[in-house]
Protein backbone atom coordinates (compact mmCIF):
# COMPACT_ATOMS: atom_id res chain seq x y z
CA MET A 1 105.40 122.37 57.10
CA THR A 2 105.38 125.96 58.34
CA ALA A 3 101.61 126.22 57.90
CA ALA A 4 101.11 123.12 60.08
CA THR A 5 103.59 124.41 62.65
CA ASP A 6 101.88 127.82 62.72
CA LEU A 7 98.49 126.15 63.16
CA ALA A 8 99.78 123.95 66.00
CA THR A 9 101.33 126.97 67.72
CA ARG A 10 98.11 128.96 67.36
CA ILE A 11 96.06 126.08 68.77
CA VAL A 12 98.36 125.69 71.77
CA LEU A 13 98.33 129.42 72.49
CA ASP A 14 94.56 129.80 71.99
CA VAL A 15 93.52 126.91 74.28
CA THR A 16 93.13 127.87 77.92
CA ASN A 17 93.26 125.39 80.78
CA PRO A 18 89.81 125.24 82.42
CA LEU A 19 91.30 123.72 85.58
CA VAL A 20 93.66 126.54 86.50
CA GLY A 21 93.44 127.10 90.25
CA VAL A 22 91.44 123.93 90.89
CA THR A 23 92.87 121.67 93.59
CA PRO A 24 91.44 118.46 95.03
CA SER A 25 89.70 118.87 98.36
CA MET A 26 87.76 116.42 100.52
CA SER A 27 86.09 119.29 102.40
CA VAL A 28 83.52 119.56 99.61
CA PHE A 29 81.73 116.55 101.09
CA GLY A 30 81.68 117.96 104.61
CA VAL A 31 83.87 117.83 107.68
CA ALA A 32 82.30 114.61 108.98
CA PHE A 33 82.98 112.74 105.72
CA GLU A 34 86.53 114.07 105.57
CA GLY A 35 87.15 112.96 109.15
CA ARG A 36 85.77 109.46 108.49
CA VAL A 37 87.88 109.04 105.37
CA GLN A 38 91.00 110.10 107.25
CA LEU A 39 90.21 107.68 110.09
CA ILE A 40 89.57 104.79 107.72
CA LEU A 41 92.71 105.43 105.68
CA GLY A 42 94.75 105.82 108.87
CA GLY A 43 93.37 102.52 110.18
CA VAL A 44 94.11 100.69 106.94
CA TRP A 45 97.62 102.15 106.91
CA ALA A 46 98.17 100.98 110.52
CA LEU A 47 96.96 97.46 109.63
CA VAL A 48 99.32 97.32 106.65
CA LEU A 49 102.23 98.46 108.82
CA ALA A 50 101.37 95.86 111.47
CA ALA A 51 101.16 93.08 108.87
CA CYS A 52 104.48 94.14 107.33
CA ALA A 53 106.13 94.29 110.76
CA ALA A 54 104.83 90.80 111.53
CA ALA A 55 106.19 89.53 108.22
CA VAL A 56 109.60 91.07 108.97
CA LEU A 57 109.69 89.38 112.38
CA VAL A 58 108.59 86.02 110.96
CA GLY A 59 111.18 86.27 108.18
CA ALA A 60 113.92 87.15 110.65
CA GLY A 61 112.93 84.25 112.89
CA LYS A 62 112.88 81.78 110.01
CA TRP A 63 116.23 83.05 108.76
CA SER A 64 117.80 82.71 112.20
CA TRP A 65 116.26 79.26 112.75
CA ALA A 66 117.42 78.00 109.36
CA SER A 67 120.97 79.25 109.75
CA LYS A 68 121.58 78.54 113.46
CA VAL A 69 119.47 75.47 114.28
CA THR A 70 118.90 73.43 111.13
CA HIS A 71 122.10 74.55 109.36
CA SER A 72 120.20 74.53 106.09
CA SER A 73 121.80 76.86 103.58
CA GLU A 74 118.87 76.49 101.17
CA GLY A 75 116.35 77.30 103.90
CA ALA A 76 118.48 80.20 105.08
CA MET A 77 118.60 81.68 101.57
CA GLU A 78 114.83 81.29 101.14
CA SER A 79 114.03 82.84 104.52
CA ALA A 80 116.57 85.63 103.92
CA GLY A 81 114.72 86.48 100.73
CA GLN A 82 111.42 86.48 102.62
CA PHE A 83 112.91 88.77 105.28
CA LYS A 84 114.32 91.19 102.70
CA THR A 85 111.03 91.33 100.79
CA ALA A 86 109.10 92.00 104.01
CA ALA A 87 111.58 94.69 105.05
CA ILE A 88 111.24 96.45 101.69
CA ALA A 89 107.43 96.23 101.93
CA PHE A 90 107.55 97.71 105.45
CA ALA A 91 109.80 100.56 104.30
CA ALA A 92 107.49 101.31 101.37
CA ALA A 93 104.40 101.26 103.61
CA ALA A 94 106.08 103.49 106.19
CA ALA A 95 107.14 105.94 103.48
CA ALA A 96 103.81 105.86 101.63
CA SER A 97 102.97 109.48 102.43
CA LEU A 98 106.39 110.64 101.22
CA ILE A 99 106.12 108.57 98.03
CA LEU A 100 102.61 109.78 97.23
CA GLY A 101 103.53 113.37 98.11
CA ALA A 102 106.55 113.21 95.80
CA LEU A 103 104.43 111.82 92.96
CA ILE A 104 101.84 114.54 93.38
CA TRP A 105 104.59 117.20 93.53
CA VAL A 106 106.18 115.88 90.33
CA VAL A 107 102.87 115.76 88.48
CA GLN A 108 101.77 119.23 89.62
CA GLY A 109 105.19 120.84 89.16
CA ALA A 110 105.92 119.41 85.76
């Protein structure tokens, strides 16, 4: 076992990482491309936030209607679930940059 362990240790110590110092950068493709990508991603993000906000408002309206007007406990539970799901989706979309940044930090730091 010691020969295998020594070999594994030697292999790990002898192999160098060819990507040391390499970081992802959109500037390689030019400033115009980088600007377009940022605009497109920002627009998509805004559309997702708008759709999530609309879903939250619709869910809240359905929940209120079901509980106050129709007095339907089953409808109120279903619309409450829809509201909660939409609220979680909105929170995740709003925090997307923090979530992605944290994932990249964990992967790079570990």
